[in-house]
Amino acid sequence: MKEFLVELITTVPEGTDSAEVERIRAAEGLRAKTLAADGHLVRLWRPVGELRSIGVWCADDENELREKVLGSLPLWPWMTATITALQSHPNDPGKASSAT
């Protein structure tokens, strides 16, 4: 699988019932755990003081990432995604440590 840097911004539509938002957020957490177990969600961060997420995700290609991986998130209809395909850097310290 290929790696992608993904920035997600979730905007809940105005007037959405708070109980519905909580239900969807709970489902989102469960789906994220499944995607992590399947190797699609590698890391996920939230910048301090911001309501956006930045993560490393894996998929065979960007189409699969958008349609089958991110598209399976319960909050996806409310999300805006910026996706950047990644490749290894020759000076990546993680690459060197995994070779030993």
N, C-alpha and C. Protein backbone atom coordinates (compact mmCIF):
# COMPACT_ATOMS: atom_id res chain seq x y z
N MET A 1 0.84 -1.19 0.00
CA MET A 1 0.00 0.00 0.00
C MET A 1 0.88 1.25 0.00
N LYS A 2 0.35 2.31 -0.56
CA LYS A 2 1.04 3.59 -0.61
C LYS A 2 0.61 4.45 0.57
N GLU A 3 1.50 5.37 0.98
CA GLU A 3 1.19 6.27 2.09
C GLU A 3 0.71 7.62 1.58
N PHE A 4 -0.21 8.21 2.35
CA PHE A 4 -0.77 9.52 2.02
C PHE A 4 -0.84 10.36 3.29
N LEU A 5 -0.49 11.62 3.16
CA LEU A 5 -0.72 12.58 4.24
C LEU A 5 -2.09 13.18 3.97
N VAL A 6 -2.97 13.11 4.98
CA VAL A 6 -4.34 13.56 4.80
C VAL A 6 -4.70 14.58 5.87
N GLU A 7 -5.19 15.72 5.43
CA GLU A 7 -5.72 16.74 6.34
C GLU A 7 -7.23 16.70 6.20
N LEU A 8 -7.92 16.54 7.32
CA LEU A 8 -9.38 16.47 7.33
C LEU A 8 -9.96 17.60 8.17
N ILE A 9 -10.90 18.30 7.59
CA ILE A 9 -11.63 19.33 8.31
C ILE A 9 -13.10 18.92 8.28
N THR A 10 -13.68 18.80 9.47
CA THR A 10 -15.08 18.41 9.57
C THR A 10 -15.93 19.63 9.91
N THR A 11 -16.96 19.85 9.12
CA THR A 11 -17.89 20.95 9.36
C THR A 11 -19.29 20.35 9.50
N VAL A 12 -19.79 20.38 10.72
CA VAL A 12 -21.13 19.85 10.98
C VAL A 12 -22.14 20.87 10.47
N PRO A 13 -23.10 20.42 9.67
CA PRO A 13 -24.11 21.36 9.16
C PRO A 13 -24.88 22.04 10.30
N GLU A 14 -25.06 23.32 10.15
CA GLU A 14 -25.79 24.08 11.15
C GLU A 14 -27.19 23.49 11.31
N GLY A 15 -27.62 23.39 12.56
CA GLY A 15 -28.95 22.87 12.85
C GLY A 15 -28.99 21.37 13.06
N THR A 16 -27.84 20.68 12.90
CA THR A 16 -27.81 19.24 13.12
C THR A 16 -27.99 18.96 14.61
N ASP A 17 -28.87 18.03 14.91
CA ASP A 17 -29.17 17.67 16.29
C ASP A 17 -27.90 17.17 16.99
N SER A 18 -27.63 17.68 18.19
CA SER A 18 -26.40 17.32 18.91
C SER A 18 -26.34 15.83 19.23
N ALA A 19 -27.48 15.19 19.47
CA ALA A 19 -27.48 13.74 19.73
C ALA A 19 -27.04 12.98 18.48
N GLU A 20 -27.44 13.45 17.31
CA GLU A 20 -27.04 12.83 16.04
C GLU A 20 -25.54 13.01 15.82
N VAL A 21 -25.02 14.19 16.14
CA VAL A 21 -23.58 14.44 16.00
C VAL A 21 -22.81 13.49 16.91
N GLU A 22 -23.24 13.33 18.14
CA GLU A 22 -22.56 12.43 19.08
C GLU A 22 -22.62 10.99 18.61
N ARG A 23 -23.76 10.57 18.06
CA ARG A 23 -23.90 9.21 17.55
C ARG A 23 -22.92 8.97 16.39
N ILE A 24 -22.83 9.93 15.50
CA ILE A 24 -21.94 9.79 14.35
C ILE A 24 -20.48 9.84 14.79
N ARG A 25 -20.15 10.68 15.74
CA ARG A 25 -18.77 10.74 16.25
C ARG A 25 -18.37 9.42 16.92
N ALA A 26 -19.29 8.80 17.64
CA ALA A 26 -19.01 7.50 18.26
C ALA A 26 -18.77 6.44 17.18
N ALA A 27 -19.59 6.46 16.14
CA ALA A 27 -19.40 5.52 15.03
C ALA A 27 -18.08 5.78 14.32
N GLU A 28 -17.69 7.04 14.23
CA GLU A 28 -16.41 7.43 13.62
C GLU A 28 -15.24 6.80 14.38
N GLY A 29 -15.30 6.85 15.70
CA GLY A 29 -14.24 6.27 16.52
C GLY A 29 -14.11 4.77 16.30
N LEU A 30 -15.23 4.08 16.21
CA LEU A 30 -15.20 2.64 15.96
C LEU A 30 -14.64 2.33 14.58
N ARG A 31 -15.05 3.11 13.59
CA ARG A 31 -14.56 2.88 12.22
C ARG A 31 -13.06 3.16 12.14
N ALA A 32 -12.58 4.19 12.82
CA ALA A 32 -11.15 4.50 12.82
C ALA A 32 -10.35 3.34 13.40
N LYS A 33 -10.86 2.71 14.45
CA LYS A 33 -10.16 1.56 15.03
C LYS A 33 -10.06 0.41 14.03
N THR A 34 -11.14 0.17 13.30
CA THR A 34 -11.13 -0.89 12.29
C THR A 34 -10.14 -0.57 11.17
N LEU A 35 -10.16 0.68 10.71
CA LEU A 35 -9.23 1.07 9.64
C LEU A 35 -7.78 0.98 10.10
N ALA A 36 -7.52 1.29 11.36
CA ALA A 36 -6.17 1.14 11.91
C ALA A 36 -5.77 -0.34 11.95
N ALA A 37 -6.67 -1.18 12.41
CA ALA A 37 -6.38 -2.61 12.48
C ALA A 37 -6.14 -3.20 11.09
N ASP A 38 -6.79 -2.64 10.07
CA ASP A 38 -6.61 -3.10 8.70
C ASP A 38 -5.39 -2.49 8.01
N GLY A 39 -4.67 -1.61 8.71
CA GLY A 39 -3.47 -1.00 8.15
C GLY A 39 -3.70 0.24 7.31
N HIS A 40 -4.92 0.76 7.29
CA HIS A 40 -5.20 1.96 6.49
C HIS A 40 -4.91 3.25 7.25
N LEU A 41 -5.18 3.27 8.53
CA LEU A 41 -4.91 4.45 9.36
C LEU A 41 -3.66 4.17 10.18
N VAL A 42 -2.58 4.91 9.87
CA VAL A 42 -1.29 4.65 10.50
C VAL A 42 -1.08 5.56 11.70
N ARG A 43 -1.31 6.86 11.52
CA ARG A 43 -1.14 7.85 12.61
C ARG A 43 -2.18 8.93 12.40
N LEU A 44 -2.58 9.58 13.51
CA LEU A 44 -3.56 10.65 13.43
C LEU A 44 -3.27 11.67 14.52
N TRP A 45 -3.24 12.95 14.14
CA TRP A 45 -2.97 14.03 15.08
C TRP A 45 -4.04 15.10 14.94
N ARG A 46 -4.20 15.88 16.01
CA ARG A 46 -5.03 17.09 15.96
C ARG A 46 -4.13 18.23 16.41
N PRO A 47 -3.91 19.23 15.55
CA PRO A 47 -3.12 20.39 15.96
C PRO A 47 -3.77 21.06 17.18
N VAL A 48 -2.94 21.49 18.10
CA VAL A 48 -3.42 22.12 19.34
C VAL A 48 -4.32 23.30 19.01
N GLY A 49 -5.49 23.29 19.62
CA GLY A 49 -6.42 24.40 19.47
C GLY A 49 -7.17 24.46 18.15
N GLU A 50 -7.07 23.42 17.34
CA GLU A 50 -7.73 23.43 16.02
C GLU A 50 -8.69 22.25 15.90
N LEU A 51 -9.70 22.43 15.06
CA LEU A 51 -10.66 21.37 14.81
C LEU A 51 -10.41 20.74 13.44
N ARG A 52 -9.21 20.27 13.27
CA ARG A 52 -8.85 19.53 12.05
C ARG A 52 -7.94 18.40 12.46
N SER A 53 -7.83 17.41 11.59
CA SER A 53 -6.98 16.26 11.86
C SER A 53 -5.96 16.13 10.73
N ILE A 54 -4.78 15.66 11.09
CA ILE A 54 -3.73 15.38 10.12
C ILE A 54 -3.29 13.95 10.38
N GLY A 55 -3.25 13.14 9.33
CA GLY A 55 -2.89 11.75 9.54
C GLY A 55 -2.14 11.15 8.38
N VAL A 56 -1.53 10.02 8.66
CA VAL A 56 -0.90 9.19 7.64
C VAL A 56 -1.82 8.00 7.41
N TRP A 57 -2.25 7.87 6.18
CA TRP A 57 -3.18 6.81 5.78
C TRP A 57 -2.55 5.99 4.67
N CYS A 58 -2.96 4.75 4.52
CA CYS A 58 -2.44 3.88 3.46
C CYS A 58 -3.58 3.30 2.63
N ALA A 59 -3.32 3.20 1.34
CA ALA A 59 -4.26 2.58 0.40
C ALA A 59 -3.48 2.22 -0.86
N ASP A 60 -4.10 1.44 -1.71
CA ASP A 60 -3.43 1.06 -2.95
C ASP A 60 -3.21 2.26 -3.87
N ASP A 61 -4.17 3.20 -3.86
CA ASP A 61 -4.06 4.42 -4.66
C ASP A 61 -5.02 5.46 -4.09
N GLU A 62 -4.96 6.68 -4.62
CA GLU A 62 -5.78 7.75 -4.08
C GLU A 62 -7.27 7.48 -4.26
N ASN A 63 -7.63 6.83 -5.35
CA ASN A 63 -9.02 6.51 -5.59
C ASN A 63 -9.57 5.58 -4.49
N GLU A 64 -8.80 4.53 -4.16
CA GLU A 64 -9.22 3.64 -3.08
C GLU A 64 -9.28 4.39 -1.75
N LEU A 65 -8.29 5.25 -1.52
CA LEU A 65 -8.27 6.02 -0.29
C LEU A 65 -9.54 6.86 -0.15
N ARG A 66 -9.90 7.58 -1.20
CA ARG A 66 -11.08 8.45 -1.15
C ARG A 66 -12.38 7.65 -1.06
N GLU A 67 -12.53 6.65 -1.90
CA GLU A 67 -13.81 5.95 -2.01
C GLU A 67 -14.03 4.89 -0.95
N LYS A 68 -13.03 4.07 -0.70
CA LYS A 68 -13.24 2.91 0.18
C LYS A 68 -12.75 3.12 1.60
N VAL A 69 -11.74 3.96 1.78
CA VAL A 69 -11.18 4.15 3.12
C VAL A 69 -11.81 5.38 3.77
N LEU A 70 -11.45 6.57 3.29
CA LEU A 70 -12.03 7.79 3.86
C LEU A 70 -13.54 7.82 3.64
N GLY A 71 -13.98 7.35 2.50
CA GLY A 71 -15.41 7.34 2.19
C GLY A 71 -16.22 6.46 3.11
N SER A 72 -15.56 5.58 3.85
CA SER A 72 -16.28 4.70 4.79
C SER A 72 -16.44 5.35 6.16
N LEU A 73 -15.83 6.51 6.36
CA LEU A 73 -15.95 7.20 7.65
C LEU A 73 -17.35 7.80 7.80
N PRO A 74 -17.99 7.59 8.94
CA PRO A 74 -19.34 8.14 9.13
C PRO A 74 -19.40 9.67 8.99
N LEU A 75 -18.32 10.38 9.32
CA LEU A 75 -18.30 11.84 9.19
C LEU A 75 -17.92 12.32 7.79
N TRP A 76 -17.56 11.40 6.90
CA TRP A 76 -17.06 11.76 5.57
C TRP A 76 -17.95 12.76 4.83
N PRO A 77 -19.28 12.63 4.88
CA PRO A 77 -20.11 13.61 4.16
C PRO A 77 -19.91 15.04 4.65
N TRP A 78 -19.41 15.21 5.84
CA TRP A 78 -19.19 16.54 6.41
C TRP A 78 -17.73 16.96 6.35
N MET A 79 -16.88 16.16 5.72
CA MET A 79 -15.44 16.42 5.71
C MET A 79 -14.96 17.03 4.40
N THR A 80 -13.91 17.82 4.54
CA THR A 80 -13.13 18.29 3.41
C THR A 80 -11.75 17.68 3.59
N ALA A 81 -11.22 17.07 2.55
CA ALA A 81 -9.92 16.38 2.64
C ALA A 81 -8.91 16.99 1.68
N THR A 82 -7.69 17.16 2.20
CA THR A 82 -6.55 17.50 1.37
C THR A 82 -5.62 16.29 1.44
N ILE A 83 -5.34 15.70 0.29
CA ILE A 83 -4.57 14.45 0.24
C ILE A 83 -3.28 14.69 -0.53
N THR A 84 -2.17 14.27 0.08
CA THR A 84 -0.86 14.37 -0.55
C THR A 84 -0.23 12.98 -0.56
N ALA A 85 0.09 12.47 -1.75
CA ALA A 85 0.78 11.19 -1.85
C ALA A 85 2.21 11.35 -1.35
N LEU A 86 2.69 10.36 -0.63
CA LEU A 86 4.03 10.41 -0.05
C LEU A 86 4.92 9.33 -0.66
N GLN A 87 6.22 9.60 -0.63
CA GLN A 87 7.21 8.58 -0.99
C GLN A 87 8.36 8.68 0.00
N SER A 88 9.12 7.63 0.12
CA SER A 88 10.24 7.60 1.06
C SER A 88 11.28 8.65 0.68
N HIS A 89 11.88 9.22 1.70
CA HIS A 89 12.97 10.16 1.52
C HIS A 89 14.26 9.41 1.84
N PRO A 90 15.34 9.65 1.09
CA PRO A 90 16.58 8.92 1.36
C PRO A 90 17.15 9.17 2.75
N ASN A 91 16.80 10.28 3.40
CA ASN A 91 17.31 10.57 4.73
C ASN A 91 16.31 10.25 5.84
N ASP A 92 15.26 9.50 5.52
CA ASP A 92 14.25 9.15 6.51
C ASP A 92 14.86 8.26 7.59
N PRO A 93 14.90 8.75 8.85
CA PRO A 93 15.50 7.93 9.91
C PRO A 93 14.70 6.67 10.18
N GLY A 94 13.40 6.67 9.91
CA GLY A 94 12.58 5.47 10.10
C GLY A 94 12.97 4.37 9.12
N LYS A 95 13.33 4.76 7.92
CA LYS A 95 13.73 3.81 6.90
C LYS A 95 15.05 3.14 7.30
N ALA A 96 15.98 3.93 7.82
CA ALA A 96 17.30 3.40 8.22
C ALA A 96 17.15 2.44 9.40
N SER A 97 16.29 2.78 10.35
CA SER A 97 16.16 1.92 11.53
C SER A 97 15.45 0.64 11.21
N SER A 98 14.57 0.64 10.20
CA SER A 98 13.86 -0.59 9.86
C SER A 98 14.75 -1.55 9.07
N ALA A 99 15.86 -1.04 8.52
CA ALA A 99 16.76 -1.88 7.73
C ALA A 99 17.74 -2.65 8.63
N THR A 100 17.82 -2.25 9.88
CA THR A 100 18.80 -2.92 10.76
C THR A 100 18.17 -4.08 11.48
